[in-house]
Amino acid sequence: MPGIFTVFLVDDDIDDQEIFLFVMKEAYSGAHCVLAKDGVQALDKLRDSSFTPDIIFVDINMPRMNGTELLIELKKISRLSNTPVFMYSTSDEQEIVATCKNLGASGFVKKYTDTDEVKKEFVQIISNLTTSE
């Protein structure tokens, strides 16, 4: 993976977006973050073939189209078939995690109140991505 890569966050909560941006930049300074406020807006961006993020993070609870519905639609876009999609949520109930993984999610990141915990997760994910390329 190049020194700079595109991270796409789909999350309707402005505060969570700001925290994500802050923590992601701390975890990896080469991350270029793009945001969408819900699944509908995300699909609009992703259907434009000029936009192919290197990794996608999706909140589960959003208006208009929730994260699991978006995940199903993402898997239908062939050019994104190898793009890792991580669910990013305050809820880490095992049933939800299992459903997301069954739908094709690469993993699950809990929105911890302790940003150091989130940063550790991001560092691990990015490390796995950069070493697999």
N, C-alpha and C. Protein backbone atom coordinates (compact mmCIF):
# COMPACT_ATOMS: atom_id res chain seq x y z
N MET A 1 0.84 -1.17 0.00
CA MET A 1 0.00 0.00 0.00
C MET A 1 0.89 1.24 0.00
N PRO A 2 0.53 2.25 -0.76
CA PRO A 2 1.36 3.45 -0.83
C PRO A 2 1.39 4.19 0.50
N GLY A 3 2.27 5.19 0.61
CA GLY A 3 2.39 5.96 1.84
C GLY A 3 1.10 6.65 2.21
N ILE A 4 0.32 7.05 1.22
CA ILE A 4 -0.98 7.66 1.49
C ILE A 4 -2.04 6.73 0.94
N PHE A 5 -3.08 6.48 1.74
CA PHE A 5 -4.18 5.68 1.25
C PHE A 5 -5.50 6.28 1.71
N THR A 6 -6.55 5.95 1.00
CA THR A 6 -7.86 6.54 1.23
C THR A 6 -8.69 5.68 2.17
N VAL A 7 -9.15 6.30 3.23
CA VAL A 7 -10.01 5.68 4.22
C VAL A 7 -11.39 6.32 4.07
N PHE A 8 -12.40 5.50 3.90
CA PHE A 8 -13.77 5.99 3.75
C PHE A 8 -14.57 5.64 4.99
N LEU A 9 -15.08 6.66 5.68
CA LEU A 9 -15.90 6.45 6.87
C LEU A 9 -17.35 6.81 6.55
N VAL A 10 -18.24 5.90 6.88
CA VAL A 10 -19.67 6.14 6.72
C VAL A 10 -20.27 6.16 8.13
N ASP A 11 -20.66 7.35 8.59
CA ASP A 11 -21.16 7.51 9.96
C ASP A 11 -22.00 8.78 10.02
N ASP A 12 -23.18 8.69 10.59
CA ASP A 12 -24.08 9.83 10.65
C ASP A 12 -23.80 10.78 11.82
N ASP A 13 -22.99 10.37 12.77
CA ASP A 13 -22.74 11.18 13.96
C ASP A 13 -21.50 12.06 13.76
N ILE A 14 -21.71 13.38 13.78
CA ILE A 14 -20.62 14.34 13.54
C ILE A 14 -19.50 14.17 14.56
N ASP A 15 -19.86 13.99 15.84
CA ASP A 15 -18.84 13.82 16.88
C ASP A 15 -18.01 12.56 16.62
N ASP A 16 -18.68 11.47 16.25
CA ASP A 16 -17.96 10.24 15.95
C ASP A 16 -17.06 10.41 14.73
N GLN A 17 -17.51 11.18 13.75
CA GLN A 17 -16.66 11.46 12.57
C GLN A 17 -15.39 12.19 13.00
N GLU A 18 -15.56 13.21 13.84
CA GLU A 18 -14.39 14.00 14.28
C GLU A 18 -13.42 13.14 15.09
N ILE A 19 -13.95 12.31 15.97
CA ILE A 19 -13.09 11.42 16.76
C ILE A 19 -12.36 10.45 15.83
N PHE A 20 -13.09 9.88 14.87
CA PHE A 20 -12.48 8.96 13.91
C PHE A 20 -11.33 9.64 13.18
N LEU A 21 -11.57 10.83 12.65
CA LEU A 21 -10.53 11.55 11.90
C LEU A 21 -9.30 11.79 12.76
N PHE A 22 -9.52 12.24 13.98
CA PHE A 22 -8.41 12.51 14.90
C PHE A 22 -7.61 11.24 15.18
N VAL A 23 -8.31 10.17 15.55
CA VAL A 23 -7.64 8.93 15.93
C VAL A 23 -6.96 8.29 14.71
N MET A 24 -7.61 8.31 13.55
CA MET A 24 -7.01 7.72 12.36
C MET A 24 -5.73 8.45 11.98
N LYS A 25 -5.73 9.77 12.05
CA LYS A 25 -4.51 10.54 11.73
C LYS A 25 -3.39 10.22 12.72
N GLU A 26 -3.75 9.99 13.98
CA GLU A 26 -2.74 9.60 14.97
C GLU A 26 -2.21 8.19 14.69
N ALA A 27 -3.10 7.32 14.25
CA ALA A 27 -2.71 5.94 13.98
C ALA A 27 -1.85 5.84 12.73
N TYR A 28 -2.20 6.65 11.70
CA TYR A 28 -1.45 6.60 10.45
C TYR A 28 -1.56 7.95 9.75
N SER A 29 -0.48 8.69 9.75
CA SER A 29 -0.50 10.05 9.20
C SER A 29 -0.75 10.08 7.70
N GLY A 30 -0.56 8.96 7.01
CA GLY A 30 -0.77 8.90 5.57
C GLY A 30 -2.21 8.61 5.17
N ALA A 31 -3.11 8.59 6.14
CA ALA A 31 -4.51 8.30 5.84
C ALA A 31 -5.21 9.55 5.31
N HIS A 32 -5.80 9.43 4.14
CA HIS A 32 -6.65 10.48 3.57
C HIS A 32 -8.08 10.03 3.80
N CYS A 33 -8.81 10.75 4.66
CA CYS A 33 -10.15 10.32 5.06
C CYS A 33 -11.23 11.04 4.27
N VAL A 34 -12.18 10.26 3.81
CA VAL A 34 -13.37 10.77 3.11
C VAL A 34 -14.57 10.32 3.92
N LEU A 35 -15.59 11.19 4.01
CA LEU A 35 -16.74 10.91 4.87
C LEU A 35 -18.04 10.86 4.08
N ALA A 36 -18.96 10.04 4.59
CA ALA A 36 -20.35 10.03 4.14
C ALA A 36 -21.21 9.94 5.39
N LYS A 37 -22.39 10.58 5.35
CA LYS A 37 -23.23 10.65 6.55
C LYS A 37 -24.21 9.50 6.69
N ASP A 38 -24.37 8.70 5.63
CA ASP A 38 -25.25 7.53 5.72
C ASP A 38 -24.98 6.61 4.52
N GLY A 39 -25.66 5.47 4.52
CA GLY A 39 -25.45 4.49 3.48
C GLY A 39 -25.83 4.97 2.09
N VAL A 40 -26.88 5.78 2.00
CA VAL A 40 -27.31 6.29 0.70
C VAL A 40 -26.24 7.20 0.10
N GLN A 41 -25.73 8.12 0.92
CA GLN A 41 -24.67 9.02 0.44
C GLN A 41 -23.41 8.22 0.10
N ALA A 42 -23.11 7.21 0.90
CA ALA A 42 -21.93 6.38 0.63
C ALA A 42 -22.05 5.67 -0.71
N LEU A 43 -23.20 5.09 -0.97
CA LEU A 43 -23.39 4.39 -2.25
C LEU A 43 -23.28 5.34 -3.43
N ASP A 44 -23.81 6.55 -3.28
CA ASP A 44 -23.66 7.55 -4.35
C ASP A 44 -22.19 7.79 -4.66
N LYS A 45 -21.37 7.93 -3.63
CA LYS A 45 -19.94 8.17 -3.83
C LYS A 45 -19.26 6.93 -4.42
N LEU A 46 -19.63 5.76 -3.91
CA LEU A 46 -18.96 4.53 -4.33
C LEU A 46 -19.37 4.06 -5.72
N ARG A 47 -20.50 4.49 -6.19
CA ARG A 47 -20.92 4.12 -7.54
C ARG A 47 -20.17 4.92 -8.60
N ASP A 48 -19.49 5.98 -8.18
CA ASP A 48 -18.63 6.75 -9.07
C ASP A 48 -17.30 5.98 -9.17
N SER A 49 -17.03 5.44 -10.33
CA SER A 49 -15.85 4.57 -10.50
C SER A 49 -14.52 5.29 -10.26
N SER A 50 -14.54 6.61 -10.20
CA SER A 50 -13.29 7.34 -9.93
C SER A 50 -12.94 7.32 -8.44
N PHE A 51 -13.86 6.84 -7.61
CA PHE A 51 -13.62 6.78 -6.17
C PHE A 51 -13.54 5.33 -5.72
N THR A 52 -12.33 4.89 -5.40
CA THR A 52 -12.13 3.54 -4.89
C THR A 52 -11.25 3.62 -3.65
N PRO A 53 -11.87 3.63 -2.47
CA PRO A 53 -11.08 3.73 -1.24
C PRO A 53 -10.28 2.45 -0.99
N ASP A 54 -9.23 2.60 -0.19
CA ASP A 54 -8.41 1.44 0.16
C ASP A 54 -9.01 0.64 1.30
N ILE A 55 -9.81 1.31 2.12
CA ILE A 55 -10.47 0.66 3.26
C ILE A 55 -11.73 1.45 3.59
N ILE A 56 -12.76 0.73 4.07
CA ILE A 56 -14.03 1.36 4.39
C ILE A 56 -14.42 0.99 5.83
N PHE A 57 -14.86 2.00 6.58
CA PHE A 57 -15.39 1.79 7.93
C PHE A 57 -16.86 2.23 7.90
N VAL A 58 -17.74 1.38 8.43
CA VAL A 58 -19.18 1.63 8.36
C VAL A 58 -19.81 1.52 9.74
N ASP A 59 -20.49 2.59 10.14
CA ASP A 59 -21.29 2.55 11.36
C ASP A 59 -22.50 1.66 11.10
N ILE A 60 -23.03 1.05 12.13
CA ILE A 60 -24.18 0.16 11.94
C ILE A 60 -25.50 0.92 12.02
N ASN A 61 -25.65 1.77 13.02
CA ASN A 61 -26.93 2.46 13.22
C ASN A 61 -26.90 3.82 12.55
N MET A 62 -27.58 3.91 11.40
CA MET A 62 -27.67 5.17 10.65
C MET A 62 -29.06 5.29 10.05
N PRO A 63 -29.50 6.53 9.80
CA PRO A 63 -30.80 6.72 9.14
C PRO A 63 -30.73 6.38 7.66
N ARG A 64 -31.84 6.28 7.02
CA ARG A 64 -32.03 6.02 5.59
C ARG A 64 -31.55 4.64 5.17
N MET A 65 -30.30 4.30 5.42
CA MET A 65 -29.76 2.98 5.11
C MET A 65 -28.74 2.65 6.19
N ASN A 66 -29.00 1.60 6.97
CA ASN A 66 -28.08 1.26 8.05
C ASN A 66 -26.83 0.54 7.53
N GLY A 67 -25.91 0.27 8.43
CA GLY A 67 -24.64 -0.31 8.04
C GLY A 67 -24.72 -1.69 7.43
N THR A 68 -25.59 -2.54 7.95
CA THR A 68 -25.70 -3.89 7.38
C THR A 68 -26.33 -3.84 5.99
N GLU A 69 -27.31 -2.95 5.79
CA GLU A 69 -27.89 -2.78 4.45
C GLU A 69 -26.84 -2.26 3.47
N LEU A 70 -26.01 -1.32 3.93
CA LEU A 70 -24.93 -0.80 3.09
C LEU A 70 -23.93 -1.88 2.76
N LEU A 71 -23.57 -2.69 3.74
CA LEU A 71 -22.61 -3.77 3.52
C LEU A 71 -23.10 -4.71 2.42
N ILE A 72 -24.37 -5.05 2.44
CA ILE A 72 -24.95 -5.91 1.40
C ILE A 72 -24.79 -5.26 0.03
N GLU A 73 -25.06 -3.96 -0.06
CA GLU A 73 -24.95 -3.25 -1.33
C GLU A 73 -23.50 -3.10 -1.78
N LEU A 74 -22.59 -2.89 -0.83
CA LEU A 74 -21.16 -2.77 -1.16
C LEU A 74 -20.65 -4.05 -1.83
N LYS A 75 -21.10 -5.17 -1.34
CA LYS A 75 -20.63 -6.45 -1.86
C LYS A 75 -21.10 -6.69 -3.30
N LYS A 76 -22.04 -5.90 -3.78
CA LYS A 76 -22.52 -6.01 -5.15
C LYS A 76 -21.68 -5.19 -6.14
N ILE A 77 -20.79 -4.34 -5.62
CA ILE A 77 -19.94 -3.50 -6.48
C ILE A 77 -18.63 -4.24 -6.72
N SER A 78 -18.49 -4.79 -7.91
CA SER A 78 -17.38 -5.71 -8.20
C SER A 78 -16.00 -5.09 -7.98
N ARG A 79 -15.82 -3.83 -8.32
CA ARG A 79 -14.48 -3.23 -8.17
C ARG A 79 -14.07 -3.07 -6.71
N LEU A 80 -15.03 -3.23 -5.80
CA LEU A 80 -14.75 -3.13 -4.36
C LEU A 80 -14.63 -4.49 -3.70
N SER A 81 -14.63 -5.55 -4.48
CA SER A 81 -14.66 -6.90 -3.92
C SER A 81 -13.47 -7.20 -3.01
N ASN A 82 -12.33 -6.58 -3.25
CA ASN A 82 -11.16 -6.82 -2.41
C ASN A 82 -10.91 -5.70 -1.39
N THR A 83 -11.81 -4.73 -1.34
CA THR A 83 -11.66 -3.62 -0.40
C THR A 83 -12.13 -4.06 0.98
N PRO A 84 -11.26 -3.97 1.99
CA PRO A 84 -11.68 -4.36 3.34
C PRO A 84 -12.75 -3.41 3.87
N VAL A 85 -13.80 -3.99 4.46
CA VAL A 85 -14.88 -3.22 5.06
C VAL A 85 -14.96 -3.61 6.53
N PHE A 86 -14.74 -2.64 7.39
CA PHE A 86 -14.82 -2.86 8.83
C PHE A 86 -16.03 -2.14 9.37
N MET A 87 -16.81 -2.86 10.15
CA MET A 87 -17.94 -2.24 10.83
C MET A 87 -17.38 -1.47 12.02
N TYR A 88 -17.95 -0.31 12.29
CA TYR A 88 -17.44 0.60 13.31
C TYR A 88 -18.63 1.07 14.13
N SER A 89 -18.79 0.53 15.35
CA SER A 89 -20.02 0.77 16.09
C SER A 89 -19.81 0.78 17.59
N THR A 90 -20.75 1.42 18.29
CA THR A 90 -20.73 1.39 19.76
C THR A 90 -21.18 0.04 20.27
N SER A 91 -21.93 -0.68 19.47
CA SER A 91 -22.43 -1.99 19.87
C SER A 91 -21.51 -3.09 19.35
N ASP A 92 -21.16 -4.00 20.23
CA ASP A 92 -20.35 -5.14 19.78
C ASP A 92 -21.01 -6.46 20.19
N GLU A 93 -22.35 -6.46 20.16
CA GLU A 93 -23.09 -7.67 20.49
C GLU A 93 -22.69 -8.78 19.51
N GLN A 94 -22.47 -9.96 20.03
CA GLN A 94 -21.96 -11.06 19.22
C GLN A 94 -22.86 -11.39 18.03
N GLU A 95 -24.16 -11.25 18.21
CA GLU A 95 -25.09 -11.54 17.12
C GLU A 95 -24.90 -10.55 15.97
N ILE A 96 -24.70 -9.27 16.31
CA ILE A 96 -24.48 -8.25 15.29
C ILE A 96 -23.14 -8.48 14.59
N VAL A 97 -22.11 -8.76 15.38
CA VAL A 97 -20.78 -9.03 14.81
C VAL A 97 -20.84 -10.22 13.86
N ALA A 98 -21.49 -11.29 14.28
CA ALA A 98 -21.59 -12.49 13.44
C ALA A 98 -22.36 -12.20 12.16
N THR A 99 -23.45 -11.46 12.27
CA THR A 99 -24.23 -11.11 11.08
C THR A 99 -23.38 -10.32 10.09
N CYS A 100 -22.65 -9.33 10.59
CA CYS A 100 -21.80 -8.51 9.72
C CYS A 100 -20.71 -9.34 9.05
N LYS A 101 -20.10 -10.23 9.79
CA LYS A 101 -19.06 -11.08 9.20
C LYS A 101 -19.65 -12.02 8.16
N ASN A 102 -20.85 -12.54 8.44
CA ASN A 102 -21.52 -13.41 7.46
C ASN A 102 -21.88 -12.64 6.18
N LEU A 103 -22.10 -11.35 6.31
CA LEU A 103 -22.42 -10.51 5.14
C LEU A 103 -21.17 -10.05 4.40
N GLY A 104 -19.99 -10.39 4.94
CA GLY A 104 -18.75 -10.08 4.24
C GLY A 104 -17.87 -9.02 4.86
N ALA A 105 -18.20 -8.55 6.06
CA ALA A 105 -17.33 -7.58 6.73
C ALA A 105 -15.98 -8.21 7.03
N SER A 106 -14.92 -7.42 6.87
CA SER A 106 -13.56 -7.90 7.16
C SER A 106 -13.30 -7.97 8.65
N GLY A 107 -14.01 -7.14 9.41
CA GLY A 107 -13.80 -7.11 10.84
C GLY A 107 -14.74 -6.12 11.49
N PHE A 108 -14.52 -5.91 12.77
CA PHE A 108 -15.41 -5.09 13.58
C PHE A 108 -14.57 -4.27 14.54
N VAL A 109 -14.79 -2.95 14.58
CA VAL A 109 -14.08 -2.08 15.51
C VAL A 109 -15.12 -1.41 16.40
N LYS A 110 -14.93 -1.57 17.70
CA LYS A 110 -15.85 -0.94 18.65
C LYS A 110 -15.44 0.52 18.85
N LYS A 111 -16.44 1.38 18.93
CA LYS A 111 -16.19 2.80 19.23
C LYS A 111 -16.00 2.92 20.75
N TYR A 112 -14.78 2.71 21.19
CA TYR A 112 -14.47 2.83 22.61
C TYR A 112 -14.50 4.29 23.03
N THR A 113 -14.85 4.55 24.29
CA THR A 113 -14.74 5.92 24.80
C THR A 113 -13.28 6.29 24.99
N ASP A 114 -12.43 5.29 25.19
CA ASP A 114 -10.99 5.50 25.31
C ASP A 114 -10.39 5.48 23.91
N THR A 115 -10.01 6.64 23.40
CA THR A 115 -9.51 6.72 22.02
C THR A 115 -8.20 5.95 21.83
N ASP A 116 -7.47 5.70 22.90
CA ASP A 116 -6.24 4.90 22.77
C ASP A 116 -6.57 3.47 22.33
N GLU A 117 -7.70 2.95 22.80
CA GLU A 117 -8.12 1.60 22.39
C GLU A 117 -8.46 1.57 20.91
N VAL A 118 -9.17 2.58 20.45
CA VAL A 118 -9.52 2.67 19.03
C VAL A 118 -8.25 2.81 18.20
N LYS A 119 -7.35 3.64 18.67
CA LYS A 119 -6.08 3.84 17.95
C LYS A 119 -5.32 2.52 17.82
N LYS A 120 -5.28 1.72 18.87
CA LYS A 120 -4.60 0.42 18.81
C LYS A 120 -5.22 -0.46 17.72
N GLU A 121 -6.55 -0.45 17.66
CA GLU A 121 -7.25 -1.24 16.63
C GLU A 121 -6.88 -0.74 15.24
N PHE A 122 -6.90 0.59 15.04
CA PHE A 122 -6.57 1.17 13.74
C PHE A 122 -5.13 0.83 13.34
N VAL A 123 -4.21 0.94 14.29
CA VAL A 123 -2.80 0.63 14.01
C VAL A 123 -2.67 -0.82 13.56
N GLN A 124 -3.37 -1.73 14.24
CA GLN A 124 -3.32 -3.15 13.87
C GLN A 124 -3.89 -3.38 12.48
N ILE A 125 -5.03 -2.78 12.18
CA ILE A 125 -5.66 -2.93 10.87
C ILE A 125 -4.76 -2.40 9.77
N ILE A 126 -4.22 -1.21 9.99
CA ILE A 126 -3.35 -0.59 8.97
C ILE A 126 -2.09 -1.40 8.79
N SER A 127 -1.54 -1.87 9.89
CA SER A 127 -0.34 -2.72 9.81
C SER A 127 -0.60 -3.96 8.97
N ASN A 128 -1.76 -4.59 9.20
CA ASN A 128 -2.11 -5.78 8.40
C ASN A 128 -2.28 -5.44 6.94
N LEU A 129 -2.86 -4.29 6.64
CA LEU A 129 -3.07 -3.88 5.25
C LEU A 129 -1.75 -3.57 4.55
N THR A 130 -0.89 -2.83 5.25
CA THR A 130 0.36 -2.42 4.62
C THR A 130 1.35 -3.56 4.46
N THR A 131 1.27 -4.58 5.32
CA THR A 131 2.19 -5.70 5.19
C THR A 131 1.68 -6.75 4.20
N SER A 132 0.38 -6.71 3.88
CA SER A 132 -0.17 -7.69 2.95
C SER A 132 -0.01 -7.25 1.49
N GLU A 133 0.40 -6.01 1.28
CA GLU A 133 0.52 -5.51 -0.10
C GLU A 133 1.88 -5.83 -0.66
